């Protein structure tokens, strides 16, 4: 299983590019057992949605 550091790195990379299947599965498995990494992934998703909404309103 991957470490929290690796899981966070993969979560950030997943915002910019599509991860290979093995990395996606490793990250999901880790997040199933790690509460902190689940919370980090939720926070990233929230920031991504907020940024998208901000761009929509700002006209960029």
C-alpha atoms as a PDB file:
ATOM      1  CA  UNK A   1       0.000   0.000   0.000  1.00  0.00           C
ATOM      2  CA  UNK A   2       1.136   3.551  -0.692  1.00  0.00           C
ATOM      3  CA  UNK A   3       1.954   6.088   2.010  1.00  0.00           C
ATOM      4  CA  UNK A   4       0.008   9.236   2.839  1.00  0.00           C
ATOM      5  CA  UNK A   5       2.678  11.330   1.151  1.00  0.00           C
ATOM      6  CA  UNK A   6       2.309   9.321  -2.064  1.00  0.00           C
ATOM      7  CA  UNK A   7      -1.496   9.451  -1.855  1.00  0.00           C
ATOM      8  CA  UNK A   8      -1.464  13.240  -1.537  1.00  0.00           C
ATOM      9  CA  UNK A   9       0.976  13.565  -4.425  1.00  0.00           C
ATOM     10  CA  UNK A  10      -1.257  11.399  -6.606  1.00  0.00           C
ATOM     11  CA  UNK A  11      -4.381  13.317  -5.601  1.00  0.00           C
ATOM     12  CA  UNK A  12      -2.770  16.604  -6.654  1.00  0.00           C
ATOM     13  CA  UNK A  13      -1.486  15.081  -9.903  1.00  0.00           C
ATOM     14  CA  UNK A  14      -4.951  13.709 -10.667  1.00  0.00           C
ATOM     15  CA  UNK A  15      -6.199  17.290 -10.961  1.00  0.00           C
ATOM     16  CA  UNK A  16      -3.863  17.947 -13.892  1.00  0.00           C
ATOM     17  CA  UNK A  17      -3.780  14.618 -15.696  1.00  0.00           C
ATOM     18  CA  UNK A  18      -5.413  11.219 -15.839  1.00  0.00           C
ATOM     19  CA  UNK A  19      -3.622   8.713 -13.644  1.00  0.00           C
ATOM     20  CA  UNK A  20      -2.877   5.163 -14.755  1.00  0.00           C
ATOM     21  CA  UNK A  21      -5.234   2.517 -13.423  1.00  0.00           C
ATOM     22  CA  UNK A  22      -2.723   1.120 -10.930  1.00  0.00           C
ATOM     23  CA  UNK A  23      -2.132   4.534  -9.373  1.00  0.00           C
ATOM     24  CA  UNK A  24      -5.870   5.296  -9.200  1.00  0.00           C
ATOM     25  CA  UNK A  25      -6.534   1.969  -7.495  1.00  0.00           C
ATOM     26  CA  UNK A  26      -3.643   2.444  -5.064  1.00  0.00           C
ATOM     27  CA  UNK A  27      -4.900   5.893  -4.144  1.00  0.00           C
ATOM     28  CA  UNK A  28      -8.497   4.709  -3.687  1.00  0.00           C
ATOM     29  CA  UNK A  29      -7.397   1.767  -1.555  1.00  0.00           C
ATOM     30  CA  UNK A  30      -5.320   4.045   0.632  1.00  0.00           C
ATOM     31  CA  UNK A  31      -8.174   6.533   0.989  1.00  0.00           C
ATOM     32  CA  UNK A  32     -10.502   3.720   2.112  1.00  0.00           C
ATOM     33  CA  UNK A  33      -8.336   3.148   5.175  1.00  0.00           C
ATOM     34  CA  UNK A  34      -6.946   6.646   5.777  1.00  0.00           C
ATOM     35  CA  UNK A  35      -9.375   9.233   7.095  1.00  0.00           C
ATOM     36  CA  UNK A  36      -6.938  12.126   6.665  1.00  0.00           C
ATOM     37  CA  UNK A  37      -6.272  11.377   3.002  1.00  0.00           C
ATOM     38  CA  UNK A  38     -10.014  11.099   2.359  1.00  0.00           C
ATOM     39  CA  UNK A  39     -10.460  14.533   3.908  1.00  0.00           C
ATOM     40  CA  UNK A  40      -7.597  15.916   1.810  1.00  0.00           C
ATOM     41  CA  UNK A  41      -9.171  14.540  -1.385  1.00  0.00           C
ATOM     42  CA  UNK A  42     -12.525  16.102  -0.446  1.00  0.00           C
ATOM     43  CA  UNK A  43     -10.824  19.451   0.200  1.00  0.00           C
ATOM     44  CA  UNK A  44      -9.106  19.316  -3.199  1.00  0.00           C
ATOM     45  CA  UNK A  45     -12.430  18.589  -4.892  1.00  0.00           C
ATOM     46  CA  UNK A  46     -14.068  21.478  -3.039  1.00  0.00           C
ATOM     47  CA  UNK A  47     -11.304  23.881  -4.082  1.00  0.00           C
ATOM     48  CA  UNK A  48     -11.579  22.706  -7.684  1.00  0.00           C
ATOM     49  CA  UNK A  49     -15.343  23.338  -7.700  1.00  0.00           C
ATOM     50  CA  UNK A  50     -14.904  26.738  -6.047  1.00  0.00           C
ATOM     51  CA  UNK A  51     -12.271  27.732  -8.621  1.00  0.00           C
ATOM     52  CA  UNK A  52     -14.534  26.660 -11.474  1.00  0.00           C
ATOM     53  CA  UNK A  53     -17.395  28.714 -10.069  1.00  0.00           C
ATOM     54  CA  UNK A  54     -15.119  31.704  -9.546  1.00  0.00           C
ATOM     55  CA  UNK A  55     -13.960  31.529 -13.178  1.00  0.00           C
ATOM     56  CA  UNK A  56     -17.585  31.339 -14.281  1.00  0.00           C
ATOM     57  CA  UNK A  57     -18.478  34.529 -12.395  1.00  0.00           C
ATOM     58  CA  UNK A  58     -15.309  36.436 -13.172  1.00  0.00           C
ATOM     59  CA  UNK A  59     -15.602  35.806 -16.913  1.00  0.00           C
ATOM     60  CA  UNK A  60     -12.138  34.248 -17.383  1.00  0.00           C
END
